[in-house]
Amino acid sequence: MEFELWMLLVFPLFFGMGWLAARIDIKQMLFESSALPRSYFQGLNFLLNEQQDKAIEAFIEVVKVDPQTIELHFALGSLFRRRGEVDRAIRMHLNLIERVDLDENKKQQALFELAQDYLNAGILNRAEELFLKLQATSYANAALNFLLELYQKEKDWFKAIDVTHRLTVLSGQSHGKEAAFFYCELAAAELTQQRIDAACIHLDQALEANPQSVRATMMLGDIENLAQRFANAIEIWQRIEKQNQQYLPLVAERLLQAYRQAGHVDEGIGMLQGYLIKYPSLDLMNVLFDAILQRDGAEAAYRLVRDELQRNPTLLGLDKLLEARLLEVSIEHRADVAMVKNLVHQRTRTLAMYRCANCGFKARQFYWHCPACHGWETYSPRRSEENGQKI
């Protein structure tokens, strides 16, 4: 009985203390709210209603009335940059940096924001200088990623490679994939100057950075092929099957030509037929279609496409089947088949494109570096329809 009475006494005490604390918090909140300029609440209201222009003007008034609102300076600077008003963003962040009362953390934040302003404005030398300064701060990882973006814009591949090494050390995550592409870019530049040995060195470095670099393997095979060392070129391109078999269609035509130049075209056709059975592909089928048409005639080419269409039914395959049918159909039926083929072809044009997995940009040719979002190896080597994408 005594315990129950004690509990009855404690409960009202706790309730009273909670009520008192709530009253104090409410009074404090009301006091702080009354200290804020009316423009601040107008700005928030405009932001909620997605009226950025009016919100910015309202917040500027707040900054004029109360220059101590540091966070509001940062918010305004970010708004300006997102809207493309980079000059105003730069001025806002420069004003923050010049403040003597700014603590070190806020100063670093202001430098980081200013560096992004310069990057967006295309003032790359100043952006680089600030991002380099930030490497010894808590913004090191983000600054290095921005430096990587900057060096790619400038096509300064050596500096970009150096940043990938520093990012790997800092984050513990490998950036070998990006480094391999940068080495490939260096190799491509050497090849334009006919410096074959230097290009090969960079391609070896690419494969060291990323042993799965299909692009480096393709380029090494191209070098051997140009030197008419066809057996070497074939052996190198065949390595792609172990790296990533999806990329085999990109070298199918090259492989067949190398076999033809070496006098072993039948062996080349046989190898591609084996690839087609294991790794169905519209591009592989197209290369084989032309090769068998040339060697064995229209009926054999038609059978190849028909059999493949039965195994892997696609509209693009149907388009190819109708093309094969046109080669052997009688004259009186040719117009009808041609009409159907044209209708199917019109319907499948977008299905025959390559698509960036990162931004969705479509292209008729394959890219290692997306021209829209600038991502590396974001294109599948397979056509849109093969990846299950609709028209």
Protein backbone atom coordinates (compact mmCIF):
# COMPACT_ATOMS: atom_id res chain seq x y z
CA MET A 1 0.00 0.00 0.00
CA GLU A 2 2.84 2.43 0.83
CA PHE A 3 4.43 1.80 -2.61
CA GLU A 4 1.22 2.65 -4.45
CA LEU A 5 0.81 5.90 -2.51
CA TRP A 6 4.40 6.86 -3.36
CA MET A 7 3.75 6.28 -7.05
CA LEU A 8 0.66 8.43 -6.90
CA LEU A 9 2.74 11.27 -5.48
CA VAL A 10 5.51 10.95 -8.10
CA PHE A 11 3.29 10.96 -11.18
CA PRO A 12 1.87 14.46 -10.57
CA LEU A 13 5.41 15.70 -9.86
CA PHE A 14 6.71 14.39 -13.21
CA PHE A 15 3.70 15.81 -15.01
CA GLY A 16 4.28 19.22 -13.45
CA MET A 17 7.96 19.24 -14.39
CA GLY A 18 7.14 18.30 -18.01
CA TRP A 19 4.54 21.04 -18.23
CA LEU A 20 7.03 23.59 -16.87
CA ALA A 21 9.74 22.50 -19.34
CA ALA A 22 7.32 22.74 -22.24
CA ARG A 23 6.34 26.26 -21.20
CA ILE A 24 9.99 27.30 -21.08
CA ASP A 25 10.72 25.76 -24.55
CA ILE A 26 7.69 27.47 -26.07
CA LYS A 27 8.68 30.83 -24.60
CA GLN A 28 12.23 30.41 -25.89
CA MET A 29 11.00 29.46 -29.35
CA LEU A 30 8.63 32.41 -29.45
CA PHE A 31 11.42 34.74 -28.34
CA GLU A 32 13.79 33.47 -31.04
CA SER A 33 11.09 33.61 -33.70
CA SER A 34 10.23 37.21 -32.80
CA ALA A 35 13.91 38.09 -33.23
CA LEU A 36 13.90 36.93 -36.87
CA PRO A 37 13.03 39.52 -39.54
CA ARG A 38 9.66 39.17 -41.23
CA SER A 39 11.47 38.73 -44.58
CA TYR A 40 12.86 35.42 -43.33
CA PHE A 41 9.40 33.89 -43.03
CA GLN A 42 8.36 35.41 -46.35
CA GLY A 43 11.39 33.75 -47.95
CA LEU A 44 10.49 30.38 -46.45
CA ASN A 45 6.95 30.74 -47.72
CA PHE A 46 8.17 31.56 -51.23
CA LEU A 47 10.50 28.53 -51.17
CA LEU A 48 7.66 26.25 -50.12
CA ASN A 49 5.63 27.60 -53.04
CA GLU A 50 8.60 27.08 -55.40
CA GLN A 51 8.94 30.81 -56.08
CA GLN A 52 12.73 30.97 -56.00
CA ASP A 53 13.07 34.50 -57.39
CA LYS A 54 10.92 36.00 -54.63
CA ALA A 55 12.54 33.77 -52.00
CA ILE A 56 16.00 35.01 -52.95
CA GLU A 57 14.94 38.66 -52.76
CA ALA A 58 13.38 38.08 -49.34
CA PHE A 59 16.50 36.34 -48.01
CA ILE A 60 18.70 39.13 -49.35
CA GLU A 61 16.67 41.55 -47.23
CA VAL A 62 17.28 39.32 -44.19
CA VAL A 63 21.03 39.38 -44.85
CA LYS A 64 20.95 43.18 -45.06
CA VAL A 65 19.09 43.46 -41.75
CA ASP A 66 21.11 40.76 -39.96
CA PRO A 67 24.56 40.16 -41.49
CA GLN A 68 25.28 37.48 -38.86
CA THR A 69 23.03 34.94 -40.58
CA ILE A 70 25.91 32.82 -41.90
CA GLU A 71 23.85 29.77 -42.81
CA LEU A 72 21.55 31.96 -44.84
CA HIS A 73 24.59 33.22 -46.78
CA PHE A 74 25.47 29.64 -47.62
CA ALA A 75 21.90 28.86 -48.65
CA LEU A 76 21.74 31.91 -50.90
CA GLY A 77 25.07 31.10 -52.51
CA SER A 78 23.91 27.57 -53.33
CA LEU A 79 20.64 28.91 -54.75
CA PHE A 80 22.50 31.36 -56.97
CA ARG A 81 24.81 28.62 -58.27
CA ARG A 82 21.94 26.24 -59.05
CA ARG A 83 20.17 29.00 -60.94
CA GLY A 84 23.27 29.72 -63.02
CA GLU A 85 23.92 33.09 -61.34
CA VAL A 86 27.51 32.11 -60.64
CA ASP A 87 28.80 35.69 -60.28
CA ARG A 88 26.39 36.35 -57.40
CA ALA A 89 27.30 33.01 -55.79
CA ILE A 90 31.00 33.90 -56.00
CA ARG A 91 30.42 37.30 -54.38
CA MET A 92 28.35 35.72 -51.60
CA HIS A 93 31.02 33.13 -50.76
CA LEU A 94 33.89 35.63 -51.06
CA ASN A 95 32.12 37.86 -48.53
CA LEU A 96 31.91 34.93 -46.15
CA ILE A 97 35.62 34.09 -46.50
CA GLU A 98 36.58 37.71 -45.76
CA ARG A 99 34.69 37.73 -42.46
CA VAL A 100 37.08 37.79 -39.50
CA ASP A 101 34.52 36.22 -37.16
CA LEU A 102 34.18 33.06 -39.28
CA ASP A 103 35.45 29.92 -37.56
CA GLU A 104 37.78 27.48 -39.39
CA ASN A 105 35.07 24.93 -40.24
CA LYS A 106 32.83 27.57 -41.79
CA LYS A 107 35.78 29.05 -43.68
CA GLN A 108 36.53 25.62 -45.17
CA GLN A 109 32.88 25.25 -46.13
CA ALA A 110 32.97 28.67 -47.82
CA LEU A 111 36.14 27.71 -49.73
CA PHE A 112 34.50 24.46 -50.85
CA GLU A 113 31.41 26.32 -52.09
CA LEU A 114 33.55 28.95 -53.82
CA ALA A 115 35.59 26.26 -55.59
CA GLN A 116 32.34 24.80 -56.96
CA ASP A 117 31.30 28.28 -58.12
CA TYR A 118 34.57 28.66 -60.05
CA LEU A 119 34.18 25.18 -61.55
CA ASN A 120 30.65 25.99 -62.75
CA ALA A 121 31.85 29.31 -64.13
CA GLY A 122 34.66 27.61 -66.07
CA ILE A 123 37.37 29.40 -64.07
CA LEU A 124 39.23 26.11 -63.77
CA ASN A 125 42.60 27.37 -62.53
CA ARG A 126 41.03 29.02 -59.46
CA ALA A 127 38.78 26.02 -58.84
CA GLU A 128 41.80 23.71 -58.98
CA GLU A 129 43.75 25.90 -56.55
CA LEU A 130 40.96 25.82 -53.96
CA PHE A 131 40.22 22.11 -54.31
CA LEU A 132 43.93 21.38 -53.81
CA LYS A 133 43.90 23.48 -50.61
CA LEU A 134 40.97 21.47 -49.29
CA GLN A 135 42.80 18.14 -49.48
CA ALA A 136 43.96 18.48 -45.87
CA THR A 137 40.44 19.12 -44.58
CA SER A 138 37.25 17.16 -44.00
CA TYR A 139 36.30 18.05 -47.59
CA ALA A 140 39.25 16.06 -49.01
CA ASN A 141 37.22 13.26 -50.61
CA ALA A 142 34.67 15.60 -52.21
CA ALA A 143 37.44 17.96 -53.36
CA LEU A 144 39.33 15.11 -55.04
CA ASN A 145 36.17 14.02 -56.87
CA PHE A 146 35.70 17.54 -58.16
CA LEU A 147 39.37 17.64 -59.19
CA LEU A 148 38.81 14.43 -61.12
CA GLU A 149 35.91 16.09 -62.94
CA LEU A 150 38.01 19.18 -63.60
CA TYR A 151 40.99 17.28 -65.05
CA GLN A 152 38.69 15.31 -67.33
CA LYS A 153 37.27 18.57 -68.67
CA GLU A 154 40.82 19.74 -69.36
CA LYS A 155 41.80 16.30 -70.73
CA ASP A 156 44.76 16.34 -68.36
CA TRP A 157 44.89 12.57 -68.10
CA PHE A 158 48.11 12.34 -66.08
CA LYS A 159 46.66 14.52 -63.32
CA ALA A 160 43.40 12.60 -63.48
CA ILE A 161 45.29 9.33 -62.99
CA ASP A 162 47.12 10.82 -60.00
CA VAL A 163 43.77 11.78 -58.43
CA THR A 164 42.45 8.23 -58.86
CA HIS A 165 45.46 6.97 -56.88
CA ARG A 166 44.84 9.51 -54.10
CA LEU A 167 41.13 8.68 -53.98
CA THR A 168 41.94 4.99 -53.65
CA VAL A 169 44.27 5.69 -50.73
CA LEU A 170 41.79 8.04 -49.06
CA SER A 171 38.60 6.03 -49.50
CA GLY A 172 39.98 2.50 -49.69
CA GLN A 173 37.89 1.92 -52.82
CA SER A 174 39.55 1.09 -56.14
CA HIS A 175 39.36 3.64 -58.97
CA GLY A 176 41.20 1.41 -61.41
CA LYS A 177 38.33 1.44 -63.89
CA GLU A 178 38.59 5.21 -64.37
CA ALA A 179 42.39 5.11 -64.42
CA ALA A 180 42.32 2.49 -67.18
CA PHE A 181 40.18 4.74 -69.36
CA PHE A 182 42.56 7.66 -68.80
CA TYR A 183 45.50 5.47 -69.87
CA CYS A 184 43.49 4.50 -72.97
CA GLU A 185 42.99 8.20 -73.76
CA LEU A 186 46.75 8.72 -73.48
CA ALA A 187 47.31 5.73 -75.77
CA ALA A 188 44.85 7.10 -78.32
CA ALA A 189 46.72 10.43 -78.36
CA GLU A 190 50.01 8.59 -78.93
CA LEU A 191 48.50 6.60 -81.80
CA THR A 192 47.46 9.79 -83.59
CA GLN A 193 51.16 10.74 -83.55
CA GLN A 194 52.18 7.25 -84.73
CA ARG A 195 54.04 6.61 -81.47
CA ILE A 196 53.13 2.93 -81.25
CA ASP A 197 55.54 1.91 -78.49
CA ALA A 198 54.36 4.70 -76.18
CA ALA A 199 50.73 3.75 -76.87
CA CYS A 200 51.43 0.11 -75.99
CA ILE A 201 53.01 1.17 -72.69
CA HIS A 202 49.88 3.12 -71.74
CA LEU A 203 47.64 0.21 -72.72
CA ASP A 204 49.68 -2.15 -70.54
CA GLN A 205 49.27 0.36 -67.71
CA ALA A 206 45.52 0.40 -68.35
CA LEU A 207 45.33 -3.38 -68.00
CA GLU A 208 47.46 -3.21 -64.86
CA ALA A 209 45.03 -0.67 -63.37
CA ASN A 210 42.01 -2.69 -64.51
CA PRO A 211 42.61 -6.21 -65.90
CA GLN A 212 38.99 -6.20 -67.16
CA SER A 213 39.55 -3.20 -69.44
CA VAL A 214 37.99 -4.35 -72.71
CA ARG A 215 38.85 -1.08 -74.40
CA ALA A 216 42.58 -1.54 -73.74
CA THR A 217 42.43 -5.10 -75.11
CA MET A 218 40.61 -3.94 -78.22
CA MET A 219 43.19 -1.23 -78.85
CA LEU A 220 46.11 -3.64 -78.41
CA GLY A 221 44.48 -5.96 -80.93
CA ASP A 222 44.03 -3.04 -83.34
CA ILE A 223 47.74 -2.23 -83.09
CA GLU A 224 48.69 -5.83 -83.93
CA ASN A 225 46.18 -5.89 -86.77
CA LEU A 226 47.56 -2.69 -88.31
CA ALA A 227 51.03 -4.23 -88.17
CA GLN A 228 49.56 -7.20 -90.09
CA ARG A 229 50.30 -9.56 -87.21
CA PHE A 230 46.87 -11.09 -87.64
CA ALA A 231 47.39 -14.16 -85.46
CA ASN A 232 48.46 -11.90 -82.56
CA ALA A 233 45.48 -9.61 -83.10
CA ILE A 234 43.07 -12.57 -83.06
CA GLU A 235 44.63 -13.98 -79.90
CA ILE A 236 44.33 -10.61 -78.13
CA TRP A 237 40.72 -9.97 -79.18
CA GLN A 238 39.73 -13.46 -78.05
CA ARG A 239 40.71 -12.47 -74.49
CA ILE A 240 37.57 -10.33 -74.40
CA GLU A 241 35.50 -13.48 -73.89
CA LYS A 242 37.09 -13.86 -70.45
CA GLN A 243 36.97 -10.14 -69.65
CA ASN A 244 33.32 -9.54 -70.58
CA GLN A 245 31.70 -11.63 -73.33
CA GLN A 246 29.02 -8.99 -73.92
CA TYR A 247 31.64 -6.92 -75.75
CA LEU A 248 32.47 -9.63 -78.30
CA PRO A 249 30.07 -8.17 -80.92
CA LEU A 250 32.21 -5.00 -80.96
CA VAL A 251 35.18 -6.99 -82.32
CA ALA A 252 33.27 -9.57 -84.39
CA GLU A 253 33.87 -7.78 -87.70
CA ARG A 254 37.54 -7.21 -86.84
CA LEU A 255 38.03 -10.85 -85.93
CA LEU A 256 36.50 -12.04 -89.17
CA GLN A 257 38.61 -9.65 -91.25
CA ALA A 258 41.77 -10.75 -89.46
CA TYR A 259 40.95 -14.40 -90.16
CA ARG A 260 40.25 -13.48 -93.78
CA GLN A 261 43.57 -11.66 -94.09
CA ALA A 262 45.32 -14.67 -92.58
CA GLY A 263 43.62 -16.96 -95.11
CA HIS A 264 41.44 -18.77 -92.55
CA VAL A 265 37.99 -17.28 -93.12
CA ASP A 266 36.20 -20.61 -92.51
CA GLU A 267 37.87 -20.87 -89.11
CA GLY A 268 36.75 -17.32 -88.33
CA ILE A 269 33.14 -18.05 -89.32
CA GLY A 270 33.18 -21.19 -87.20
CA MET A 271 34.46 -19.27 -84.19
CA LEU A 272 31.76 -16.59 -84.53
CA GLN A 273 29.09 -19.26 -84.89
CA GLY A 274 30.29 -20.71 -81.58
CA TYR A 275 30.09 -17.28 -79.96
CA LEU A 276 26.56 -16.78 -81.33
CA ILE A 277 25.36 -20.05 -79.80
CA LYS A 278 26.87 -19.22 -76.39
CA TYR A 279 26.25 -15.46 -76.38
CA PRO A 280 23.22 -14.55 -78.57
CA SER A 281 23.69 -11.13 -80.13
CA LEU A 282 22.09 -9.21 -82.97
CA ASP A 283 25.41 -7.67 -84.00
CA LEU A 284 27.13 -11.06 -84.03
CA MET A 285 24.31 -12.42 -86.16
CA ASN A 286 24.61 -9.50 -88.60
CA VAL A 287 28.34 -10.09 -89.09
CA LEU A 288 27.76 -13.80 -89.61
CA PHE A 289 24.88 -13.12 -91.98
CA ASP A 290 27.10 -11.10 -94.32
CA ALA A 291 29.92 -13.66 -94.11
CA ILE A 292 27.67 -16.66 -94.86
CA LEU A 293 25.83 -14.75 -97.59
CA GLN A 294 29.17 -14.10 -99.28
CA ARG A 295 30.45 -17.65 -98.83
CA ASP A 296 27.34 -19.86 -99.07
CA GLY A 297 24.63 -17.75 -100.67
CA ALA A 298 21.22 -16.29 -99.77
CA GLU A 299 19.51 -19.55 -98.71
CA ALA A 300 22.20 -20.37 -96.11
CA ALA A 301 22.14 -16.78 -94.80
CA TYR A 302 18.35 -16.97 -94.52
CA ARG A 303 18.53 -20.22 -92.54
CA LEU A 304 21.04 -18.69 -90.14
CA VAL A 305 18.72 -15.76 -89.35
CA ARG A 306 15.62 -17.98 -89.18
CA ASP A 307 17.23 -20.38 -86.73
CA GLU A 308 18.51 -17.53 -84.57
CA LEU A 309 15.10 -15.84 -84.60
CA GLN A 310 13.50 -19.07 -83.39
CA ARG A 311 16.01 -19.24 -80.52
CA ASN A 312 15.85 -15.54 -79.64
CA PRO A 313 12.77 -13.82 -81.11
CA THR A 314 13.27 -10.06 -81.54
CA LEU A 315 11.86 -7.41 -83.85
CA LEU A 316 15.38 -6.54 -84.99
CA GLY A 317 15.91 -10.22 -85.84
CA LEU A 318 12.63 -10.20 -87.79
CA ASP A 319 13.85 -7.15 -89.71
CA LYS A 320 17.01 -9.06 -90.65
CA LEU A 321 14.98 -12.14 -91.61
CA LEU A 322 12.88 -10.07 -94.01
CA GLU A 323 16.07 -8.63 -95.49
CA ALA A 324 17.33 -12.17 -96.06
CA ARG A 325 13.99 -13.18 -97.55
CA LEU A 326 14.12 -10.33 -100.04
CA LEU A 327 17.32 -11.78 -101.51
CA GLU A 328 15.62 -14.97 -102.69
CA VAL A 329 11.90 -14.19 -102.98
CA SER A 330 10.34 -14.25 -106.43
CA ILE A 331 9.87 -10.98 -108.30
CA GLU A 332 6.06 -11.03 -108.00
CA HIS A 333 6.25 -11.26 -104.19
CA ARG A 334 9.21 -8.95 -103.64
CA ALA A 335 7.13 -5.77 -103.35
CA ASP A 336 4.97 -7.29 -100.60
CA VAL A 337 7.97 -8.48 -98.57
CA ALA A 338 9.68 -5.10 -99.05
CA MET A 339 6.58 -3.29 -97.74
CA VAL A 340 6.45 -5.45 -94.61
CA LYS A 341 10.19 -5.02 -94.08
CA ASN A 342 9.93 -1.24 -94.31
CA LEU A 343 7.13 -1.20 -91.74
CA VAL A 344 9.14 -3.38 -89.34
CA HIS A 345 12.29 -1.36 -89.94
CA GLN A 346 10.54 1.91 -89.10
CA ARG A 347 9.24 0.34 -85.91
CA THR A 348 12.64 -0.96 -84.82
CA ARG A 349 14.84 2.07 -85.43
CA THR A 350 14.97 3.09 -81.76
CA LEU A 351 15.42 -0.52 -80.68
CA ALA A 352 18.69 -0.67 -82.62
CA MET A 353 20.28 2.13 -80.59
CA TYR A 354 22.72 2.02 -77.70
CA ARG A 355 21.55 3.56 -74.44
CA CYS A 356 23.48 5.09 -71.54
CA ALA A 357 22.52 3.31 -68.32
CA ASN A 358 23.36 6.45 -66.33
CA CYS A 359 21.41 9.20 -68.10
CA GLY A 360 19.40 7.36 -70.76
CA PHE A 361 21.03 9.15 -73.72
CA LYS A 362 20.58 7.10 -76.91
CA ALA A 363 23.04 6.88 -79.77
CA ARG A 364 23.41 4.91 -82.98
CA GLN A 365 27.07 4.26 -82.28
CA PHE A 366 28.74 2.81 -79.21
CA TYR A 367 30.55 5.21 -76.85
CA TRP A 368 33.03 4.43 -74.09
CA HIS A 369 32.43 7.94 -72.70
CA CYS A 370 28.82 9.16 -72.70
CA PRO A 371 28.61 12.49 -74.60
CA ALA A 372 25.70 13.58 -72.39
CA CYS A 373 26.55 12.71 -68.77
CA HIS A 374 30.28 12.02 -69.36
CA GLY A 375 30.14 8.69 -67.54
CA TRP A 376 32.70 6.03 -68.44
CA GLU A 377 31.53 2.64 -69.76
CA THR A 378 27.89 3.47 -69.12
CA TYR A 379 26.77 2.15 -72.53
CA SER A 380 25.83 -1.49 -72.83
CA PRO A 381 27.41 -3.07 -75.94
CA ARG A 382 24.03 -4.62 -76.64
CA ARG A 383 21.21 -2.94 -78.53
CA SER A 384 18.24 -1.48 -76.66
CA GLU A 385 15.90 -4.35 -77.54
CA GLU A 386 18.39 -6.93 -76.30
CA ASN A 387 18.43 -5.16 -72.94
CA GLY A 388 14.66 -5.39 -72.67
CA GLN A 389 14.04 -1.69 -73.44
CA LYS A 390 10.88 -0.70 -75.22
CA ILE A 391 10.35 1.64 -78.15
